[in-house]
């Protein structure tokens, strides 16, 4: 049996929570299923706990956000 002396959580200066953060450069955050209530347009960070962080530092609650579309007007 081999036992490591290094911590399994030591990930080369990367915080564990940052592994589950998704960043979008251009997204639209909606507050309803019909996509009529726009809460934010632009860059966002989707945190591991479901909260949405805006560039200003303000957070949107997971209960306020219905869905997020990435690059809705991007040419394919």
PDB file of N, CA and C in Angstrom:
ATOM      1  N   UNK A   1       0.837  -1.169   0.000  1.00  0.00           N
ATOM      2  CA  UNK A   1       0.000   0.000   0.000  1.00  0.00           C
ATOM      3  C   UNK A   1       0.884   1.235   0.000  1.00  0.00           C
ATOM      4  N   UNK A   2       0.495   2.215  -0.845  1.00  0.00           N
ATOM      5  CA  UNK A   2       1.239   3.463  -0.941  1.00  0.00           C
ATOM      6  C   UNK A   2       0.387   4.580  -0.346  1.00  0.00           C
ATOM      7  N   UNK A   3       0.986   5.351   0.548  1.00  0.00           N
ATOM      8  CA  UNK A   3       0.285   6.463   1.178  1.00  0.00           C
ATOM      9  C   UNK A   3       1.046   7.745   0.876  1.00  0.00           C
ATOM     10  N   UNK A   4       0.341   8.717   0.322  1.00  0.00           N
ATOM     11  CA  UNK A   4       0.959   9.987  -0.017  1.00  0.00           C
ATOM     12  C   UNK A   4       1.053  10.881   1.204  1.00  0.00           C
ATOM     13  N   UNK A   5       2.099  11.665   1.252  1.00  0.00           N
ATOM     14  CA  UNK A   5       2.252  12.636   2.332  1.00  0.00           C
ATOM     15  C   UNK A   5       1.669  13.995   1.949  1.00  0.00           C
ATOM     16  N   UNK A   6       1.233  14.128   0.680  1.00  0.00           N
ATOM     17  CA  UNK A   6       0.645  15.384   0.216  1.00  0.00           C
ATOM     18  C   UNK A   6      -0.868  15.361   0.381  1.00  0.00           C
ATOM     19  N   UNK A   7      -1.421  16.522   0.665  1.00  0.00           N
ATOM     20  CA  UNK A   7      -2.862  16.645   0.831  1.00  0.00           C
ATOM     21  C   UNK A   7      -3.572  16.449  -0.511  1.00  0.00           C
ATOM     22  N   UNK A   8      -4.689  15.748  -0.485  1.00  0.00           N
ATOM     23  CA  UNK A   8      -5.486  15.563  -1.692  1.00  0.00           C
ATOM     24  C   UNK A   8      -6.138  16.872  -2.122  1.00  0.00           C
ATOM     25  N   UNK A   9      -6.246  17.821  -1.209  1.00  0.00           N
ATOM     26  CA  UNK A   9      -6.876  19.102  -1.510  1.00  0.00           C
ATOM     27  C   UNK A   9      -5.881  20.167  -1.946  1.00  0.00           C
ATOM     28  N   UNK A  10      -4.590  19.847  -1.954  1.00  0.00           N
ATOM     29  CA  UNK A  10      -3.573  20.792  -2.392  1.00  0.00           C
ATOM     30  C   UNK A  10      -3.521  20.757  -3.915  1.00  0.00           C
ATOM     31  N   UNK A  11      -4.133  21.754  -4.539  1.00  0.00           N
ATOM     32  CA  UNK A  11      -4.278  21.739  -5.991  1.00  0.00           C
ATOM     33  C   UNK A  11      -3.513  22.885  -6.646  1.00  0.00           C
ATOM     34  N   UNK A  12      -2.267  23.046  -6.300  1.00  0.00           N
ATOM     35  CA  UNK A  12      -1.387  24.042  -6.902  1.00  0.00           C
ATOM     36  C   UNK A  12      -1.985  25.445  -6.859  1.00  0.00           C
ATOM     37  N   UNK A  13      -2.294  25.914  -5.672  1.00  0.00           N
ATOM     38  CA  UNK A  13      -2.801  27.268  -5.434  1.00  0.00           C
ATOM     39  C   UNK A  13      -4.178  27.534  -6.030  1.00  0.00           C
ATOM     40  N   UNK A  14      -4.958  26.507  -6.339  1.00  0.00           N
ATOM     41  CA  UNK A  14      -6.318  26.677  -6.834  1.00  0.00           C
ATOM     42  C   UNK A  14      -7.265  26.332  -5.692  1.00  0.00           C
ATOM     43  N   UNK A  15      -8.149  27.258  -5.370  1.00  0.00           N
ATOM     44  CA  UNK A  15      -9.120  26.975  -4.324  1.00  0.00           C
ATOM     45  C   UNK A  15     -10.119  25.950  -4.822  1.00  0.00           C
ATOM     46  N   UNK A  16     -10.549  25.079  -3.943  1.00  0.00           N
ATOM     47  CA  UNK A  16     -11.465  24.011  -4.322  1.00  0.00           C
ATOM     48  C   UNK A  16     -12.756  24.563  -4.925  1.00  0.00           C
ATOM     49  N   UNK A  17     -13.283  25.640  -4.379  1.00  0.00           N
ATOM     50  CA  UNK A  17     -14.506  26.241  -4.894  1.00  0.00           C
ATOM     51  C   UNK A  17     -14.363  26.765  -6.315  1.00  0.00           C
ATOM     52  N   UNK A  18     -13.159  27.208  -6.677  1.00  0.00           N
ATOM     53  CA  UNK A  18     -12.926  27.730  -8.025  1.00  0.00           C
ATOM     54  C   UNK A  18     -13.013  26.648  -9.093  1.00  0.00           C
ATOM     55  N   UNK A  19     -12.896  25.399  -8.703  1.00  0.00           N
ATOM     56  CA  UNK A  19     -13.010  24.308  -9.672  1.00  0.00           C
ATOM     57  C   UNK A  19     -14.432  24.172 -10.195  1.00  0.00           C
ATOM     58  N   UNK A  20     -15.399  24.677  -9.444  1.00  0.00           N
ATOM     59  CA  UNK A  20     -16.804  24.527  -9.797  1.00  0.00           C
ATOM     60  C   UNK A  20     -17.443  25.837 -10.243  1.00  0.00           C
ATOM     61  N   UNK A  21     -16.630  26.839 -10.515  1.00  0.00           N
ATOM     62  CA  UNK A  21     -17.120  28.134 -10.977  1.00  0.00           C
ATOM     63  C   UNK A  21     -17.065  28.165 -12.493  1.00  0.00           C
ATOM     64  N   UNK A  22     -18.153  28.605 -13.119  1.00  0.00           N
ATOM     65  CA  UNK A  22     -18.194  28.721 -14.573  1.00  0.00           C
ATOM     66  C   UNK A  22     -18.337  30.195 -14.918  1.00  0.00           C
ATOM     67  N   UNK A  23     -17.484  30.679 -15.815  1.00  0.00           N
ATOM     68  CA  UNK A  23     -17.520  32.077 -16.217  1.00  0.00           C
ATOM     69  C   UNK A  23     -18.057  32.204 -17.634  1.00  0.00           C
ATOM     70  N   UNK A  24     -18.881  33.219 -17.840  1.00  0.00           N
ATOM     71  CA  UNK A  24     -19.442  33.525 -19.156  1.00  0.00           C
ATOM     72  C   UNK A  24     -19.073  34.958 -19.501  1.00  0.00           C
ATOM     73  N   UNK A  25     -18.522  35.181 -20.688  1.00  0.00           N
ATOM     74  CA  UNK A  25     -18.174  36.531 -21.118  1.00  0.00           C
ATOM     75  C   UNK A  25     -19.393  37.288 -21.625  1.00  0.00           C
ATOM     76  N   UNK A  26     -20.339  36.574 -22.207  1.00  0.00           N
ATOM     77  CA  UNK A  26     -21.529  37.200 -22.773  1.00  0.00           C
ATOM     78  C   UNK A  26     -22.715  36.289 -22.535  1.00  0.00           C
ATOM     79  N   UNK A  27     -23.570  36.665 -21.606  1.00  0.00           N
ATOM     80  CA  UNK A  27     -24.719  35.834 -21.250  1.00  0.00           C
ATOM     81  C   UNK A  27     -25.904  36.724 -20.895  1.00  0.00           C
ATOM     82  N   UNK A  28     -27.083  36.116 -20.926  1.00  0.00           N
ATOM     83  CA  UNK A  28     -28.296  36.799 -20.482  1.00  0.00           C
ATOM     84  C   UNK A  28     -28.898  35.960 -19.361  1.00  0.00           C
ATOM     85  N   UNK A  29     -29.178  36.601 -18.226  1.00  0.00           N
ATOM     86  CA  UNK A  29     -29.758  35.936 -17.069  1.00  0.00           C
ATOM     87  C   UNK A  29     -31.240  36.305 -17.017  1.00  0.00           C
ATOM     88  N   UNK A  30     -32.092  35.290 -17.043  1.00  0.00           N
ATOM     89  CA  UNK A  30     -33.535  35.506 -17.051  1.00  0.00           C
ATOM     90  C   UNK A  30     -34.152  35.123 -15.703  1.00  0.00           C
ATOM     91  N   UNK A  31     -35.215  35.826 -15.355  1.00  0.00           N
ATOM     92  CA  UNK A  31     -35.920  35.557 -14.117  1.00  0.00           C
ATOM     93  C   UNK A  31     -37.217  34.794 -14.314  1.00  0.00           C
ATOM     94  N   UNK A  32     -37.544  34.455 -15.582  1.00  0.00           N
ATOM     95  CA  UNK A  32     -38.787  33.735 -15.848  1.00  0.00           C
ATOM     96  C   UNK A  32     -38.617  32.768 -17.015  1.00  0.00           C
ATOM     97  N   UNK A  33     -39.518  31.812 -17.114  1.00  0.00           N
ATOM     98  CA  UNK A  33     -39.449  30.774 -18.138  1.00  0.00           C
ATOM     99  C   UNK A  33     -39.654  31.342 -19.545  1.00  0.00           C
ATOM    100  N   UNK A  34     -40.461  32.390 -19.677  1.00  0.00           N
ATOM    101  CA  UNK A  34     -40.792  32.949 -20.977  1.00  0.00           C
ATOM    102  C   UNK A  34     -39.683  33.837 -21.547  1.00  0.00           C
ATOM    103  N   UNK A  35     -38.610  34.028 -20.810  1.00  0.00           N
ATOM    104  CA  UNK A  35     -37.475  34.874 -21.216  1.00  0.00           C
ATOM    105  C   UNK A  35     -37.882  36.322 -21.427  1.00  0.00           C
ATOM    106  N   UNK A  36     -38.840  36.781 -20.644  1.00  0.00           N
ATOM    107  CA  UNK A  36     -39.291  38.170 -20.733  1.00  0.00           C
ATOM    108  C   UNK A  36     -38.631  39.061 -19.686  1.00  0.00           C
ATOM    109  N   UNK A  37     -38.280  38.493 -18.550  1.00  0.00           N
ATOM    110  CA  UNK A  37     -37.670  39.257 -17.467  1.00  0.00           C
ATOM    111  C   UNK A  37     -36.156  39.054 -17.489  1.00  0.00           C
ATOM    112  N   UNK A  38     -35.447  40.065 -18.010  1.00  0.00           N
ATOM    113  CA  UNK A  38     -33.984  40.005 -18.083  1.00  0.00           C
ATOM    114  C   UNK A  38     -33.424  40.615 -16.803  1.00  0.00           C
ATOM    115  N   UNK A  39     -32.646  39.831 -16.077  1.00  0.00           N
ATOM    116  CA  UNK A  39     -32.038  40.304 -14.838  1.00  0.00           C
ATOM    117  C   UNK A  39     -30.659  40.923 -15.082  1.00  0.00           C
ATOM    118  N   UNK A  40     -29.960  40.415 -16.111  1.00  0.00           N
ATOM    119  CA  UNK A  40     -28.611  40.922 -16.408  1.00  0.00           C
ATOM    120  C   UNK A  40     -28.195  40.467 -17.797  1.00  0.00           C
ATOM    121  N   UNK A  41     -27.433  41.323 -18.499  1.00  0.00           N
ATOM    122  CA  UNK A  41     -26.814  40.971 -19.771  1.00  0.00           C
ATOM    123  C   UNK A  41     -25.338  41.308 -19.683  1.00  0.00           C
ATOM    124  N   UNK A  42     -24.494  40.380 -20.094  1.00  0.00           N
ATOM    125  CA  UNK A  42     -23.052  40.615 -20.076  1.00  0.00           C
ATOM    126  C   UNK A  42     -22.322  39.498 -19.369  1.00  0.00           C
ATOM    127  N   UNK A  43     -21.157  39.831 -18.857  1.00  0.00           N
ATOM    128  CA  UNK A  43     -20.296  38.847 -18.196  1.00  0.00           C
ATOM    129  C   UNK A  43     -20.873  38.450 -16.832  1.00  0.00           C
ATOM    130  N   UNK A  44     -20.728  37.168 -16.499  1.00  0.00           N
ATOM    131  CA  UNK A  44     -21.167  36.660 -15.194  1.00  0.00           C
ATOM    132  C   UNK A  44     -20.240  35.541 -14.750  1.00  0.00           C
ATOM    133  N   UNK A  45     -20.322  35.229 -13.462  1.00  0.00           N
ATOM    134  CA  UNK A  45     -19.684  34.034 -12.906  1.00  0.00           C
ATOM    135  C   UNK A  45     -20.768  33.232 -12.216  1.00  0.00           C
ATOM    136  N   UNK A  46     -20.928  31.979 -12.607  1.00  0.00           N
ATOM    137  CA  UNK A  46     -21.882  31.083 -11.962  1.00  0.00           C
ATOM    138  C   UNK A  46     -21.119  30.321 -10.888  1.00  0.00           C
ATOM    139  N   UNK A  47     -21.454  30.589  -9.636  1.00  0.00           N
ATOM    140  CA  UNK A  47     -20.730  29.994  -8.510  1.00  0.00           C
ATOM    141  C   UNK A  47     -21.230  28.583  -8.216  1.00  0.00           C
ATOM    142  N   UNK A  48     -20.434  27.833  -7.511  1.00  0.00           N
ATOM    143  CA  UNK A  48     -20.755  26.434  -7.207  1.00  0.00           C
ATOM    144  C   UNK A  48     -22.036  26.289  -6.396  1.00  0.00           C
ATOM    145  N   UNK A  49     -22.384  27.300  -5.625  1.00  0.00           N
ATOM    146  CA  UNK A  49     -23.587  27.223  -4.791  1.00  0.00           C
ATOM    147  C   UNK A  49     -24.838  27.712  -5.520  1.00  0.00           C
ATOM    148  N   UNK A  50     -24.711  28.042  -6.819  1.00  0.00           N
ATOM    149  CA  UNK A  50     -25.855  28.453  -7.617  1.00  0.00           C
ATOM    150  C   UNK A  50     -26.050  29.949  -7.718  1.00  0.00           C
ATOM    151  N   UNK A  51     -25.346  30.714  -6.929  1.00  0.00           N
ATOM    152  CA  UNK A  51     -25.460  32.165  -7.005  1.00  0.00           C
ATOM    153  C   UNK A  51     -24.754  32.666  -8.264  1.00  0.00           C
ATOM    154  N   UNK A  52     -25.247  33.763  -8.813  1.00  0.00           N
ATOM    155  CA  UNK A  52     -24.661  34.371 -10.008  1.00  0.00           C
ATOM    156  C   UNK A  52     -23.990  35.669  -9.594  1.00  0.00           C
ATOM    157  N   UNK A  53     -22.684  35.771  -9.869  1.00  0.00           N
ATOM    158  CA  UNK A  53     -21.933  36.973  -9.518  1.00  0.00           C
ATOM    159  C   UNK A  53     -21.807  37.869 -10.740  1.00  0.00           C
ATOM    160  N   UNK A  54     -22.183  39.135 -10.583  1.00  0.00           N
ATOM    161  CA  UNK A  54     -22.089  40.116 -11.647  1.00  0.00           C
ATOM    162  C   UNK A  54     -20.745  40.839 -11.559  1.00  0.00           C
ATOM    163  N   UNK A  55     -20.291  41.487 -12.641  1.00  0.00           N
ATOM    164  CA  UNK A  55     -19.004  42.190 -12.603  1.00  0.00           C
ATOM    165  C   UNK A  55     -18.916  43.252 -11.511  1.00  0.00           C
ATOM    166  N   UNK A  56     -20.039  43.809 -11.113  1.00  0.00           N
ATOM    167  CA  UNK A  56     -20.056  44.825 -10.056  1.00  0.00           C
ATOM    168  C   UNK A  56     -19.826  44.227  -8.677  1.00  0.00           C
ATOM    169  N   UNK A  57     -19.900  42.892  -8.576  1.00  0.00           N
ATOM    170  CA  UNK A  57     -19.770  42.224  -7.288  1.00  0.00           C
ATOM    171  C   UNK A  57     -21.112  41.846  -6.691  1.00  0.00           C
ATOM    172  N   UNK A  58     -22.174  42.381  -7.257  1.00  0.00           N
ATOM    173  CA  UNK A  58     -23.523  42.049  -6.784  1.00  0.00           C
ATOM    174  C   UNK A  58     -23.822  40.591  -7.106  1.00  0.00           C
ATOM    175  N   UNK A  59     -24.602  39.933  -6.246  1.00  0.00           N
ATOM    176  CA  UNK A  59     -24.958  38.532  -6.425  1.00  0.00           C
ATOM    177  C   UNK A  59     -26.445  38.387  -6.689  1.00  0.00           C
ATOM    178  N   UNK A  60     -26.792  37.493  -7.603  1.00  0.00           N
ATOM    179  CA  UNK A  60     -28.186  37.141  -7.857  1.00  0.00           C
ATOM    180  C   UNK A  60     -28.457  35.783  -7.227  1.00  0.00           C
ATOM    181  N   UNK A  61     -29.536  35.709  -6.465  1.00  0.00           N
ATOM    182  CA  UNK A  61     -29.911  34.486  -5.769  1.00  0.00           C
ATOM    183  C   UNK A  61     -30.343  33.405  -6.757  1.00  0.00           C
ATOM    184  N   UNK A  62     -30.041  32.135  -6.463  1.00  0.00           N
ATOM    185  CA  UNK A  62     -30.516  31.039  -7.312  1.00  0.00           C
ATOM    186  C   UNK A  62     -32.041  31.001  -7.418  1.00  0.00           C
ATOM    187  N   UNK A  63     -32.741  31.500  -6.413  1.00  0.00           N
ATOM    188  CA  UNK A  63     -34.203  31.507  -6.467  1.00  0.00           C
ATOM    189  C   UNK A  63     -34.730  32.602  -7.392  1.00  0.00           C
ATOM    190  N   UNK A  64     -33.923  33.616  -7.683  1.00  0.00           N
ATOM    191  CA  UNK A  64     -34.333  34.701  -8.577  1.00  0.00           C
ATOM    192  C   UNK A  64     -34.072  34.362 -10.046  1.00  0.00           C
ATOM    193  N   UNK A  65     -33.120  33.473 -10.295  1.00  0.00           N
ATOM    194  CA  UNK A  65     -32.710  33.155 -11.662  1.00  0.00           C
ATOM    195  C   UNK A  65     -33.452  31.926 -12.158  1.00  0.00           C
ATOM    196  N   UNK A  66     -34.109  32.071 -13.312  1.00  0.00           N
ATOM    197  CA  UNK A  66     -34.774  30.911 -13.913  1.00  0.00           C
ATOM    198  C   UNK A  66     -33.808  30.160 -14.828  1.00  0.00           C
ATOM    199  N   UNK A  67     -33.131  30.895 -15.721  1.00  0.00           N
ATOM    200  CA  UNK A  67     -32.149  30.253 -16.590  1.00  0.00           C
ATOM    201  C   UNK A  67     -31.183  31.289 -17.150  1.00  0.00           C
ATOM    202  N   UNK A  68     -30.090  30.765 -17.731  1.00  0.00           N
ATOM    203  CA  UNK A  68     -29.036  31.606 -18.308  1.00  0.00           C
ATOM    204  C   UNK A  68     -28.786  31.112 -19.730  1.00  0.00           C
ATOM    205  N   UNK A  69     -28.770  32.049 -20.680  1.00  0.00           N
ATOM    206  CA  UNK A  69     -28.417  31.725 -22.066  1.00  0.00           C
ATOM    207  C   UNK A  69     -27.068  32.357 -22.356  1.00  0.00           C
ATOM    208  N   UNK A  70     -26.153  31.559 -22.891  1.00  0.00           N
ATOM    209  CA  UNK A  70     -24.838  32.062 -23.260  1.00  0.00           C
ATOM    210  C   UNK A  70     -24.853  32.519 -24.707  1.00  0.00           C
ATOM    211  N   UNK A  71     -24.340  33.714 -24.968  1.00  0.00           N
ATOM    212  CA  UNK A  71     -24.228  34.266 -26.317  1.00  0.00           C
ATOM    213  C   UNK A  71     -25.490  34.107 -27.143  1.00  0.00           C
ATOM    214  N   UNK A  72     -26.612  34.674 -26.728  1.00  0.00           N
ATOM    215  CA  UNK A  72     -27.863  34.457 -27.457  1.00  0.00           C
ATOM    216  C   UNK A  72     -27.869  35.055 -28.859  1.00  0.00           C
ATOM    217  N   UNK A  73     -27.091  36.111 -29.088  1.00  0.00           N
ATOM    218  CA  UNK A  73     -27.081  36.761 -30.395  1.00  0.00           C
ATOM    219  C   UNK A  73     -25.831  36.444 -31.201  1.00  0.00           C
ATOM    220  N   UNK A  74     -25.043  35.464 -30.752  1.00  0.00           N
ATOM    221  CA  UNK A  74     -23.790  35.135 -31.440  1.00  0.00           C
ATOM    222  C   UNK A  74     -24.067  34.483 -32.785  1.00  0.00           C
ATOM    223  N   UNK A  75     -23.269  34.862 -33.756  1.00  0.00           N
ATOM    224  CA  UNK A  75     -23.407  34.245 -35.081  1.00  0.00           C
ATOM    225  C   UNK A  75     -22.734  32.881 -35.064  1.00  0.00           C
ATOM    226  N   UNK A  76     -23.436  31.878 -35.613  1.00  0.00           N
ATOM    227  CA  UNK A  76     -22.903  30.521 -35.573  1.00  0.00           C
ATOM    228  C   UNK A  76     -22.209  30.186 -36.758  1.00  0.00           C
TER     229      UNK A  76
END
